[in-house]
Every structure is written in C-alpha cells, then in structure tokens.
Amino acid sequence: MSQTEASAARDPRFPIGRFDFDMTVTPERLAEAIDTMARVPKALREAMHGLTPQQVETPHREGGWNPRQIAHHIPDSHLNGYTRMKLALTEDAPTIKPYHEDLWAELGDVKTTPVEVSFLLLETLHLRWVALARSLDSNQWKRPFVHPETGRRTPIDLHLCHYAWHGRHHVAQITSLVERMGW
C-alpha cells in the first residue's frame, strides 16, 4: 500500500479513498462497476445488520452522518444518478440539476422512515439501473451530461464508475465505524 493509500484508508471521510474523476474507463473497469452496482444493496443491508437503535444514530466520524442517514442518503443520491444517466441517454449533453445532499439528510423522511424502506428502494432502483447499464452499447456509454457548477462533461461510463464507488464508499463508512467501535 502506498503512503497516499494508507493515508486515505485512515481518513474516516474516505475509508476506501477518493474517487478518481480522471480515470480511464476500460471495458473491464465498467463491467466491474456494473457488478458492484448489483452488489451494493446487499452490502448496505449487511453493513447495517444487527446495529442497535443507539448504534444507528452514532456518527461515523466527528461531524459526519450516522448509519441511518447514510442508509437513506445512498438511494437518494442514486435516484439522482440514475436520472442523470437516463437524461444523458435521451438528451444532448443535458445540464443536470445538483441537489443539497446535506440538507436532504436532515429532512423528516430521513429521521422517521425505517431504513428497511431505503433498503427496498435501493434494491429495486439498482435492479433497474443494472438492467439499463447492461443494455447499453459502446456509443451510449460515452454520452455526457454537464454539471452546472463545474462545467464538466461527464460521460455516463465514468458516471456509473463513480456511483459504484459511491455505494462502496458509504457502506465502508458504516463498516469502518462498526470496526472502530468494536460492535
């Protein structure tokens, strides 16, 4: 492990390291991302399994979200990601709509809805997303969308790799909390 990787692994914000937006997306990397997307819902459910109500409310780091917020955030974010992908497939380099994920994590549904609801939402969403991903040809994977804050044109192959990382990233925040706390 390099010094940079070791440092990233010790950073509770990014237990699997940061996403590389400059990566080259190979067919193998894309296939791995699709497989990861298929596994993320189960991984989230397993990471949360057996946590007590008090543990679910414990932030994964100082100033960070707790497992309940993370469990609701992942489908919120992935709904946006799925929509962005479909927009890029059906429009010419659309400008996507950002959202304030920090504010979404404080809304009433996140505070009161059982996490099982978000598990189910993520499972069904990922069934659709993976099916869509497996249906695309090489030209479709290069269709971009534009982020209005950065002006970056993101092709959907990179976008899907990012969301595969995103799911693993947040699951790792929960599992690293569990490990650190000895639960």
Protein backbone atom coordinates (compact mmCIF):
# COMPACT_ATOMS: atom_id res chain seq x y z
CA MET A 1 0.00 0.00 0.00
CA SER A 2 1.38 3.39 -0.97
CA GLN A 3 1.66 6.20 1.57
CA THR A 4 -1.23 8.01 -0.16
CA GLU A 5 -3.44 4.90 0.01
CA ALA A 6 -2.52 4.31 3.66
CA SER A 7 -3.37 7.93 4.49
CA ALA A 8 -6.70 7.65 2.65
CA ALA A 9 -7.51 4.42 4.49
CA ARG A 10 -7.05 6.23 7.82
CA ASP A 11 -9.32 9.11 6.80
CA PRO A 12 -12.81 8.23 8.10
CA ARG A 13 -14.35 10.53 5.49
CA PHE A 14 -12.97 8.35 2.68
CA PRO A 15 -12.32 4.85 4.04
CA ILE A 16 -11.76 3.45 0.51
CA GLY A 17 -10.02 6.58 -0.80
CA ARG A 18 -11.34 9.30 -3.08
CA PHE A 19 -12.85 8.71 -6.50
CA ASP A 20 -10.56 9.43 -9.45
CA PHE A 21 -12.55 11.52 -11.93
CA ASP A 22 -9.59 11.44 -14.31
CA MET A 23 -9.52 7.64 -14.60
CA THR A 24 -9.66 5.89 -17.93
CA VAL A 25 -12.78 3.76 -18.09
CA THR A 26 -11.89 0.44 -19.69
CA PRO A 27 -14.44 -2.23 -20.59
CA GLU A 28 -13.14 -4.30 -17.66
CA ARG A 29 -13.48 -1.41 -15.22
CA LEU A 30 -17.00 -0.72 -16.46
CA ALA A 31 -18.01 -4.38 -16.11
CA GLU A 32 -16.63 -4.33 -12.56
CA ALA A 33 -18.63 -1.17 -11.79
CA ILE A 34 -21.84 -2.77 -13.07
CA ASP A 35 -21.21 -5.84 -10.91
CA THR A 36 -20.52 -3.58 -7.93
CA MET A 37 -23.79 -1.74 -8.52
CA ALA A 38 -25.59 -5.08 -8.40
CA ARG A 39 -23.97 -5.88 -5.02
CA VAL A 40 -24.30 -2.51 -3.24
CA PRO A 41 -27.86 -3.00 -1.91
CA LYS A 42 -26.94 -6.31 -0.24
CA ALA A 43 -23.70 -4.83 1.10
CA LEU A 44 -25.62 -1.93 2.69
CA ARG A 45 -28.15 -4.27 4.28
CA GLU A 46 -25.32 -6.45 5.66
CA ALA A 47 -23.41 -3.43 7.00
CA MET A 48 -26.48 -2.30 8.94
CA HIS A 49 -27.49 -5.77 10.13
CA GLY A 50 -27.62 -6.12 13.91
CA LEU A 51 -26.97 -2.46 14.71
CA THR A 52 -28.89 -1.26 17.75
CA PRO A 53 -31.00 1.91 17.63
CA GLN A 54 -28.22 3.73 19.51
CA GLN A 55 -25.54 2.49 17.09
CA VAL A 56 -27.62 3.56 14.07
CA GLU A 57 -27.57 7.10 15.49
CA THR A 58 -23.78 7.19 16.04
CA PRO A 59 -21.96 9.41 13.52
CA HIS A 60 -19.33 7.54 11.52
CA ARG A 61 -16.90 10.36 12.30
CA GLU A 62 -16.98 13.72 14.07
CA GLY A 63 -19.30 15.95 12.07
CA GLY A 64 -20.33 13.06 9.83
CA TRP A 65 -23.57 11.27 9.14
CA ASN A 66 -24.80 8.35 11.16
CA PRO A 67 -25.62 4.95 9.59
CA ARG A 68 -29.34 5.83 9.41
CA GLN A 69 -28.58 8.97 7.40
CA ILE A 70 -26.14 7.07 5.19
CA ALA A 71 -28.70 4.31 4.55
CA HIS A 72 -31.23 6.91 3.38
CA HIS A 73 -28.64 9.01 1.51
CA ILE A 74 -27.48 6.23 -0.80
CA PRO A 75 -30.86 5.71 -2.53
CA ASP A 76 -31.48 9.49 -2.56
CA SER A 77 -28.19 10.01 -4.34
CA HIS A 78 -28.56 7.00 -6.60
CA LEU A 79 -32.03 8.11 -7.69
CA ASN A 80 -30.41 11.32 -8.85
CA GLY A 81 -27.59 9.38 -10.51
CA TYR A 82 -29.97 7.06 -12.34
CA THR A 83 -32.00 10.05 -13.56
CA ARG A 84 -28.84 11.82 -14.75
CA MET A 85 -27.85 8.74 -16.73
CA LYS A 86 -31.27 8.49 -18.37
CA LEU A 87 -31.19 12.20 -19.20
CA ALA A 88 -27.78 11.78 -20.85
CA LEU A 89 -29.13 8.86 -22.87
CA THR A 90 -32.17 10.76 -24.10
CA GLU A 91 -30.95 14.37 -24.41
CA ASP A 92 -27.95 16.02 -26.00
CA ALA A 93 -25.43 16.74 -23.19
CA PRO A 94 -28.08 17.89 -20.71
CA THR A 95 -27.21 20.13 -17.81
CA ILE A 96 -28.13 18.20 -14.68
CA LYS A 97 -29.69 19.60 -11.52
CA PRO A 98 -27.49 19.46 -8.43
CA TYR A 99 -29.06 19.00 -5.01
CA HIS A 100 -28.05 19.74 -1.42
CA GLU A 101 -27.39 16.26 -0.08
CA ASP A 102 -26.53 17.66 3.37
CA LEU A 103 -29.98 19.25 3.61
CA TRP A 104 -31.70 16.14 2.23
CA ALA A 105 -30.06 14.13 5.05
CA GLU A 106 -31.84 16.33 7.60
CA LEU A 107 -35.37 16.10 6.16
CA GLY A 108 -38.20 14.46 8.05
CA ASP A 109 -38.34 11.29 5.95
CA VAL A 110 -34.71 10.52 6.82
CA LYS A 111 -35.47 11.00 10.51
CA THR A 112 -38.68 8.94 10.64
CA THR A 113 -38.73 6.36 7.83
CA PRO A 114 -37.43 2.91 8.76
CA VAL A 115 -34.17 2.13 6.96
CA GLU A 116 -35.82 -1.01 5.55
CA VAL A 117 -37.75 1.29 3.21
CA SER A 118 -34.50 2.67 1.82
CA PHE A 119 -33.05 -0.84 1.53
CA LEU A 120 -36.02 -1.81 -0.64
CA LEU A 121 -35.82 1.40 -2.66
CA LEU A 122 -32.12 0.85 -3.32
CA GLU A 123 -32.64 -2.81 -4.25
CA THR A 124 -35.35 -2.06 -6.80
CA LEU A 125 -33.56 1.01 -8.15
CA HIS A 126 -30.36 -0.97 -8.68
CA LEU A 127 -32.25 -3.76 -10.46
CA ARG A 128 -33.40 -1.16 -12.99
CA TRP A 129 -30.06 0.66 -13.14
CA VAL A 130 -28.05 -2.52 -13.70
CA ALA A 131 -30.54 -3.68 -16.35
CA LEU A 132 -30.17 -0.34 -18.12
CA ALA A 133 -26.38 -0.48 -17.87
CA ARG A 134 -26.24 -3.98 -19.32
CA SER A 135 -28.36 -2.87 -22.28
CA LEU A 136 -26.03 -0.09 -23.48
CA ASP A 137 -23.67 -0.16 -26.44
CA SER A 138 -20.22 1.46 -26.54
CA ASN A 139 -21.51 4.69 -28.11
CA GLN A 140 -24.19 5.14 -25.47
CA TRP A 141 -21.62 4.84 -22.67
CA LYS A 142 -19.85 7.95 -24.00
CA ARG A 143 -22.95 10.19 -23.91
CA PRO A 144 -22.28 13.02 -21.44
CA PHE A 145 -24.16 15.26 -19.11
CA VAL A 146 -22.91 18.63 -17.84
CA HIS A 147 -22.65 19.64 -14.20
CA PRO A 148 -23.61 23.33 -13.92
CA GLU A 149 -21.26 24.09 -11.00
CA THR A 150 -18.10 22.69 -12.65
CA GLY A 151 -18.99 22.80 -16.33
CA ARG A 152 -17.56 19.29 -16.53
CA ARG A 153 -18.92 16.99 -19.24
CA THR A 154 -19.19 13.58 -17.62
CA PRO A 155 -19.68 10.55 -19.85
CA ILE A 156 -22.03 8.01 -18.34
CA ASP A 157 -19.38 5.28 -18.20
CA LEU A 158 -17.41 7.42 -15.74
CA HIS A 159 -20.65 8.37 -14.00
CA LEU A 160 -21.51 4.73 -13.37
CA CYS A 161 -17.99 4.03 -12.08
CA HIS A 162 -18.42 6.98 -9.72
CA TYR A 163 -21.71 5.64 -8.36
CA ALA A 164 -20.25 2.16 -7.90
CA TRP A 165 -17.51 3.83 -5.84
CA HIS A 166 -20.13 5.95 -4.05
CA GLY A 167 -22.06 2.93 -2.83
CA ARG A 168 -18.90 1.16 -1.65
CA HIS A 169 -17.66 4.40 -0.05
CA HIS A 170 -20.74 4.85 2.14
CA VAL A 171 -21.00 1.17 3.04
CA ALA A 172 -17.34 1.37 4.12
CA GLN A 173 -18.16 4.35 6.34
CA ILE A 174 -20.60 2.13 8.22
CA THR A 175 -18.38 -0.95 8.33
CA SER A 176 -15.36 1.07 9.44
CA LEU A 177 -17.46 2.64 12.22
CA VAL A 178 -18.53 -0.83 13.34
CA GLU A 179 -14.91 -1.99 13.29
CA ARG A 180 -13.58 1.08 15.15
CA MET A 181 -16.27 0.80 17.82
CA GLY A 182 -15.87 -2.97 18.20
CA TRP A 183 -19.59 -3.67 17.61
